[in-house]
Amino acid sequence: MPAGWIAYEYRIIPQFSSGSDVLVGYSLNSLNASENFSNASIYRPRFLDVKLPGISGPAGAVADP
C-alpha cells in the first residue's frame, strides 16, 4: 500500500469463502484529500484470498449473509 493511504471497511465475502479459505474485500483512501478527487484508481475494489490457520471441519460458508 502506498505511503499516506489508509485501508478500511474490511469484510469477509461469504459467497466466495469456504472453511478456512476466505475472501476479504477492503477499501482504500488517501490521507491527501486532493488525491481522493484526482486519482480514481483509489476507489477500485481490492480483495485478498486468505487461508486462516487452525480452522478445520467441513467446508461451508464462513458466515451466512
PDB file of N, CA and C in Angstrom:
ATOM      1  N   MET A   1       0.852  -1.165   0.000  1.00  0.00           N
ATOM      2  CA  MET A   1       0.000   0.000   0.000  1.00  0.00           C
ATOM      3  C   MET A   1       0.904   1.236   0.000  1.00  0.00           C
ATOM      4  N   PRO A   2       0.603   2.205  -0.847  1.00  0.00           N
ATOM      5  CA  PRO A   2       1.434   3.414  -0.907  1.00  0.00           C
ATOM      6  C   PRO A   2       1.410   4.186   0.411  1.00  0.00           C
ATOM      7  N   ALA A   3       2.496   4.879   0.703  1.00  0.00           N
ATOM      8  CA  ALA A   3       2.559   5.709   1.903  1.00  0.00           C
ATOM      9  C   ALA A   3       1.467   6.769   1.849  1.00  0.00           C
ATOM     10  N   GLY A   4       0.850   7.049   2.972  1.00  0.00           N
ATOM     11  CA  GLY A   4      -0.196   8.065   3.033  1.00  0.00           C
ATOM     12  C   GLY A   4      -1.581   7.554   2.668  1.00  0.00           C
ATOM     13  N   TRP A   5      -1.724   6.238   2.479  1.00  0.00           N
ATOM     14  CA  TRP A   5      -3.036   5.656   2.188  1.00  0.00           C
ATOM     15  C   TRP A   5      -3.482   4.855   3.399  1.00  0.00           C
ATOM     16  N   ILE A   6      -4.778   4.798   3.627  1.00  0.00           N
ATOM     17  CA  ILE A   6      -5.313   4.002   4.730  1.00  0.00           C
ATOM     18  C   ILE A   6      -6.314   2.989   4.183  1.00  0.00           C
ATOM     19  N   ALA A   7      -6.329   1.827   4.781  1.00  0.00           N
ATOM     20  CA  ALA A   7      -7.283   0.775   4.408  1.00  0.00           C
ATOM     21  C   ALA A   7      -8.380   0.751   5.465  1.00  0.00           C
ATOM     22  N   TYR A   8      -9.610   0.529   5.033  1.00  0.00           N
ATOM     23  CA  TYR A   8     -10.737   0.496   5.959  1.00  0.00           C
ATOM     24  C   TYR A   8     -11.829  -0.396   5.388  1.00  0.00           C
ATOM     25  N   GLU A   9     -12.836  -0.643   6.196  1.00  0.00           N
ATOM     26  CA  GLU A   9     -14.031  -1.388   5.795  1.00  0.00           C
ATOM     27  C   GLU A   9     -13.703  -2.800   5.285  1.00  0.00           C
ATOM     28  N   TYR A  10     -12.939  -3.530   6.088  1.00  0.00           N
ATOM     29  CA  TYR A  10     -12.640  -4.926   5.743  1.00  0.00           C
ATOM     30  C   TYR A  10     -13.889  -5.769   5.911  1.00  0.00           C
ATOM     31  N   ARG A  11     -14.145  -6.674   4.977  1.00  0.00           N
ATOM     32  CA  ARG A  11     -15.298  -7.581   5.060  1.00  0.00           C
ATOM     33  C   ARG A  11     -14.940  -8.934   4.484  1.00  0.00           C
ATOM     34  N   ILE A  12     -15.417  -9.988   5.136  1.00  0.00           N
ATOM     35  CA  ILE A  12     -15.311 -11.325   4.557  1.00  0.00           C
ATOM     36  C   ILE A  12     -16.456 -11.463   3.570  1.00  0.00           C
ATOM     37  N   ILE A  13     -16.160 -11.932   2.368  1.00  0.00           N
ATOM     38  CA  ILE A  13     -17.169 -12.131   1.329  1.00  0.00           C
ATOM     39  C   ILE A  13     -17.614 -13.596   1.419  1.00  0.00           C
ATOM     40  N   PRO A  14     -18.762 -13.878   2.055  1.00  0.00           N
ATOM     41  CA  PRO A  14     -19.155 -15.271   2.311  1.00  0.00           C
ATOM     42  C   PRO A  14     -19.423 -16.090   1.054  1.00  0.00           C
ATOM     43  N   GLN A  15     -19.878 -15.461  -0.021  1.00  0.00           N
ATOM     44  CA  GLN A  15     -20.187 -16.198  -1.251  1.00  0.00           C
ATOM     45  C   GLN A  15     -18.952 -16.841  -1.859  1.00  0.00           C
ATOM     46  N   PHE A  16     -17.773 -16.299  -1.573  1.00  0.00           N
ATOM     47  CA  PHE A  16     -16.529 -16.803  -2.147  1.00  0.00           C
ATOM     48  C   PHE A  16     -15.579 -17.330  -1.075  1.00  0.00           C
ATOM     49  N   SER A  17     -16.127 -17.706   0.084  1.00  0.00           N
ATOM     50  CA  SER A  17     -15.337 -18.222   1.189  1.00  0.00           C
ATOM     51  C   SER A  17     -15.869 -19.584   1.588  1.00  0.00           C
ATOM     52  N   SER A  18     -14.957 -20.461   2.018  1.00  0.00           N
ATOM     53  CA  SER A  18     -15.402 -21.763   2.494  1.00  0.00           C
ATOM     54  C   SER A  18     -14.345 -22.347   3.416  1.00  0.00           C
ATOM     55  N   GLY A  19     -14.788 -22.879   4.550  1.00  0.00           N
ATOM     56  CA  GLY A  19     -13.861 -23.447   5.517  1.00  0.00           C
ATOM     57  C   GLY A  19     -12.845 -22.415   5.967  1.00  0.00           C
ATOM     58  N   SER A  20     -11.570 -22.759   5.847  1.00  0.00           N
ATOM     59  CA  SER A  20     -10.523 -21.829   6.284  1.00  0.00           C
ATOM     60  C   SER A  20     -10.056 -20.897   5.165  1.00  0.00           C
ATOM     61  N   ASP A  21     -10.607 -21.028   3.958  1.00  0.00           N
ATOM     62  CA  ASP A  21     -10.271 -20.137   2.850  1.00  0.00           C
ATOM     63  C   ASP A  21     -11.313 -19.033   2.770  1.00  0.00           C
ATOM     64  N   VAL A  22     -10.881 -17.801   2.999  1.00  0.00           N
ATOM     65  CA  VAL A  22     -11.822 -16.684   2.974  1.00  0.00           C
ATOM     66  C   VAL A  22     -11.343 -15.611   2.002  1.00  0.00           C
ATOM     67  N   LEU A  23     -12.307 -14.928   1.411  1.00  0.00           N
ATOM     68  CA  LEU A  23     -12.015 -13.794   0.551  1.00  0.00           C
ATOM     69  C   LEU A  23     -12.368 -12.543   1.343  1.00  0.00           C
ATOM     70  N   VAL A  24     -11.398 -11.636   1.467  1.00  0.00           N
ATOM     71  CA  VAL A  24     -11.586 -10.403   2.221  1.00  0.00           C
ATOM     72  C   VAL A  24     -11.571  -9.235   1.240  1.00  0.00           C
ATOM     73  N   GLY A  25     -12.607  -8.415   1.275  1.00  0.00           N
ATOM     74  CA  GLY A  25     -12.662  -7.204   0.469  1.00  0.00           C
ATOM     75  C   GLY A  25     -12.379  -6.000   1.354  1.00  0.00           C
ATOM     76  N   TYR A  26     -11.752  -4.971   0.785  1.00  0.00           N
ATOM     77  CA  TYR A  26     -11.478  -3.768   1.569  1.00  0.00           C
ATOM     78  C   TYR A  26     -11.420  -2.545   0.664  1.00  0.00           C
ATOM     79  N   SER A  27     -11.460  -1.378   1.293  1.00  0.00           N
ATOM     80  CA  SER A  27     -11.420  -0.107   0.580  1.00  0.00           C
ATOM     81  C   SER A  27     -10.171   0.669   0.991  1.00  0.00           C
ATOM     82  N   LEU A  28      -9.755   1.596   0.137  1.00  0.00           N
ATOM     83  CA  LEU A  28      -8.620   2.466   0.428  1.00  0.00           C
ATOM     84  C   LEU A  28      -9.047   3.921   0.334  1.00  0.00           C
ATOM     85  N   ASN A  29      -8.286   4.765   0.978  1.00  0.00           N
ATOM     86  CA  ASN A  29      -8.466   6.195   0.885  1.00  0.00           C
ATOM     87  C   ASN A  29      -7.100   6.831   1.093  1.00  0.00           C
ATOM     88  N   SER A  30      -6.908   8.005   0.562  1.00  0.00           N
ATOM     89  CA  SER A  30      -5.649   8.716   0.730  1.00  0.00           C
ATOM     90  C   SER A  30      -5.790   9.730   1.856  1.00  0.00           C
ATOM     91  N   LEU A  31      -4.713   9.936   2.603  1.00  0.00           N
ATOM     92  CA  LEU A  31      -4.721  10.977   3.632  1.00  0.00           C
ATOM     93  C   LEU A  31      -4.613  12.366   3.002  1.00  0.00           C
ATOM     94  N   ASN A  32      -4.251  12.415   1.711  1.00  0.00           N
ATOM     95  CA  ASN A  32      -4.184  13.666   0.963  1.00  0.00           C
ATOM     96  C   ASN A  32      -5.532  13.845   0.256  1.00  0.00           C
ATOM     97  N   ALA A  33      -6.374  14.728   0.760  1.00  0.00           N
ATOM     98  CA  ALA A  33      -7.745  14.879   0.262  1.00  0.00           C
ATOM     99  C   ALA A  33      -7.798  15.157  -1.238  1.00  0.00           C
ATOM    100  N   SER A  34      -6.875  15.946  -1.776  1.00  0.00           N
ATOM    101  CA  SER A  34      -6.929  16.259  -3.211  1.00  0.00           C
ATOM    102  C   SER A  34      -6.676  15.007  -4.050  1.00  0.00           C
ATOM    103  N   GLU A  35      -5.883  14.070  -3.547  1.00  0.00           N
ATOM    104  CA  GLU A  35      -5.615  12.835  -4.287  1.00  0.00           C
ATOM    105  C   GLU A  35      -6.883  11.979  -4.400  1.00  0.00           C
ATOM    106  N   ASN A  36      -7.751  12.036  -3.404  1.00  0.00           N
ATOM    107  CA  ASN A  36      -9.005  11.281  -3.457  1.00  0.00           C
ATOM    108  C   ASN A  36      -9.884  11.733  -4.622  1.00  0.00           C
ATOM    109  N   PHE A  37      -9.759  12.987  -5.008  1.00  0.00           N
ATOM    110  CA  PHE A  37     -10.564  13.509  -6.112  1.00  0.00           C
ATOM    111  C   PHE A  37      -9.875  13.372  -7.468  1.00  0.00           C
ATOM    112  N   SER A  38      -8.552  13.305  -7.486  1.00  0.00           N
ATOM    113  CA  SER A  38      -7.832  13.286  -8.757  1.00  0.00           C
ATOM    114  C   SER A  38      -7.387  11.894  -9.199  1.00  0.00           C
ATOM    115  N   ASN A  39      -7.424  10.900  -8.308  1.00  0.00           N
ATOM    116  CA  ASN A  39      -6.936   9.563  -8.635  1.00  0.00           C
ATOM    117  C   ASN A  39      -8.067   8.544  -8.446  1.00  0.00           C
ATOM    118  N   ALA A  40      -8.799   8.274  -9.512  1.00  0.00           N
ATOM    119  CA  ALA A  40      -9.961   7.376  -9.420  1.00  0.00           C
ATOM    120  C   ALA A  40      -9.571   5.941  -9.090  1.00  0.00           C
ATOM    121  N   SER A  41      -8.318   5.544  -9.333  1.00  0.00           N
ATOM    122  CA  SER A  41      -7.917   4.160  -9.048  1.00  0.00           C
ATOM    123  C   SER A  41      -7.928   3.848  -7.555  1.00  0.00           C
ATOM    124  N   ILE A  42      -7.933   4.878  -6.715  1.00  0.00           N
ATOM    125  CA  ILE A  42      -8.014   4.651  -5.266  1.00  0.00           C
ATOM    126  C   ILE A  42      -9.293   3.893  -4.928  1.00  0.00           C
ATOM    127  N   TYR A  43     -10.371   4.148  -5.647  1.00  0.00           N
ATOM    128  CA  TYR A  43     -11.674   3.600  -5.285  1.00  0.00           C
ATOM    129  C   TYR A  43     -11.996   2.250  -5.908  1.00  0.00           C
ATOM    130  N   ARG A  44     -11.075   1.661  -6.662  1.00  0.00           N
ATOM    131  CA  ARG A  44     -11.368   0.336  -7.212  1.00  0.00           C
ATOM    132  C   ARG A  44     -11.363  -0.672  -6.064  1.00  0.00           C
ATOM    133  N   PRO A  45     -12.244  -1.665  -6.126  1.00  0.00           N
ATOM    134  CA  PRO A  45     -12.283  -2.648  -5.039  1.00  0.00           C
ATOM    135  C   PRO A  45     -11.001  -3.472  -4.993  1.00  0.00           C
ATOM    136  N   ARG A  46     -10.625  -3.869  -3.800  1.00  0.00           N
ATOM    137  CA  ARG A  46      -9.436  -4.702  -3.603  1.00  0.00           C
ATOM    138  C   ARG A  46      -9.835  -5.923  -2.787  1.00  0.00           C
ATOM    139  N   PHE A  47      -9.174  -7.032  -3.079  1.00  0.00           N
ATOM    140  CA  PHE A  47      -9.524  -8.290  -2.418  1.00  0.00           C
ATOM    141  C   PHE A  47      -8.272  -9.069  -2.060  1.00  0.00           C
ATOM    142  N   LEU A  48      -8.349  -9.807  -0.964  1.00  0.00           N
ATOM    143  CA  LEU A  48      -7.280 -10.705  -0.541  1.00  0.00           C
ATOM    144  C   LEU A  48      -7.873 -12.097  -0.335  1.00  0.00           C
ATOM    145  N   ASP A  49      -7.192 -13.112  -0.857  1.00  0.00           N
ATOM    146  CA  ASP A  49      -7.576 -14.504  -0.622  1.00  0.00           C
ATOM    147  C   ASP A  49      -6.727 -14.968   0.567  1.00  0.00           C
ATOM    148  N   VAL A  50      -7.382 -15.314   1.680  1.00  0.00           N
ATOM    149  CA  VAL A  50      -6.681 -15.605   2.927  1.00  0.00           C
ATOM    150  C   VAL A  50      -6.988 -17.021   3.393  1.00  0.00           C
ATOM    151  N   LYS A  51      -5.973 -17.737   3.838  1.00  0.00           N
ATOM    152  CA  LYS A  51      -6.164 -19.051   4.451  1.00  0.00           C
ATOM    153  C   LYS A  51      -5.977 -18.867   5.951  1.00  0.00           C
ATOM    154  N   LEU A  52      -7.034 -19.083   6.716  1.00  0.00           N
ATOM    155  CA  LEU A  52      -6.974 -18.917   8.161  1.00  0.00           C
ATOM    156  C   LEU A  52      -6.376 -20.165   8.801  1.00  0.00           C
ATOM    157  N   PRO A  53      -5.401 -20.003   9.672  1.00  0.00           N
ATOM    158  CA  PRO A  53      -4.776 -21.161  10.308  1.00  0.00           C
ATOM    159  C   PRO A  53      -5.655 -21.721  11.425  1.00  0.00           C
ATOM    160  N   GLY A  54      -5.534 -23.013  11.650  1.00  0.00           N
ATOM    161  CA  GLY A  54      -6.184 -23.631  12.797  1.00  0.00           C
ATOM    162  C   GLY A  54      -7.676 -23.809  12.702  1.00  0.00           C
ATOM    163  N   ILE A  55      -8.234 -23.725  11.520  1.00  0.00           N
ATOM    164  CA  ILE A  55      -9.676 -23.933  11.358  1.00  0.00           C
ATOM    165  C   ILE A  55      -9.863 -25.215  10.578  1.00  0.00           C
ATOM    166  N   SER A  56     -10.579 -26.145  11.165  1.00  0.00           N
ATOM    167  CA  SER A  56     -10.825 -27.410  10.469  1.00  0.00           C
ATOM    168  C   SER A  56     -12.303 -27.713  10.487  1.00  0.00           C
ATOM    169  N   GLY A  57     -12.690 -28.709   9.762  1.00  0.00           N
ATOM    170  CA  GLY A  57     -14.083 -29.081   9.717  1.00  0.00           C
ATOM    171  C   GLY A  57     -14.589 -29.069   8.292  1.00  0.00           C
ATOM    172  N   PRO A  58     -15.856 -29.367   8.132  1.00  0.00           N
ATOM    173  CA  PRO A  58     -16.418 -29.435   6.786  1.00  0.00           C
ATOM    174  C   PRO A  58     -16.388 -28.064   6.105  1.00  0.00           C
ATOM    175  N   ALA A  59     -16.204 -28.110   4.795  1.00  0.00           N
ATOM    176  CA  ALA A  59     -16.233 -26.869   4.026  1.00  0.00           C
ATOM    177  C   ALA A  59     -17.648 -26.325   4.015  1.00  0.00           C
ATOM    178  N   GLY A  60     -17.757 -25.045   4.035  1.00  0.00           N
ATOM    179  CA  GLY A  60     -19.055 -24.383   4.013  1.00  0.00           C
ATOM    180  C   GLY A  60     -18.848 -22.890   4.137  1.00  0.00           C
ATOM    181  N   ALA A  61     -19.909 -22.168   4.053  1.00  0.00           N
ATOM    182  CA  ALA A  61     -19.818 -20.710   4.150  1.00  0.00           C
ATOM    183  C   ALA A  61     -19.278 -20.320   5.521  1.00  0.00           C
ATOM    184  N   VAL A  62     -18.402 -19.297   5.547  1.00  0.00           N
ATOM    185  CA  VAL A  62     -17.853 -18.812   6.794  1.00  0.00           C
ATOM    186  C   VAL A  62     -18.932 -18.110   7.603  1.00  0.00           C
ATOM    187  N   ALA A  63     -19.779 -17.361   6.941  1.00  0.00           N
ATOM    188  CA  ALA A  63     -20.856 -16.641   7.615  1.00  0.00           C
ATOM    189  C   ALA A  63     -22.070 -16.595   6.699  1.00  0.00           C
ATOM    190  N   ASP A  64     -23.235 -16.639   7.282  1.00  0.00           N
ATOM    191  CA  ASP A  64     -24.459 -16.506   6.485  1.00  0.00           C
ATOM    192  C   ASP A  64     -24.661 -15.035   6.174  1.00  0.00           C
ATOM    193  N   PRO A  65     -25.043 -14.700   4.936  1.00  0.00           N
ATOM    194  CA  PRO A  65     -25.265 -13.291   4.586  1.00  0.00           C
ATOM    195  C   PRO A  65     -26.442 -12.714   5.324  1.00  0.00           C
TER     196      PRO A  65
END
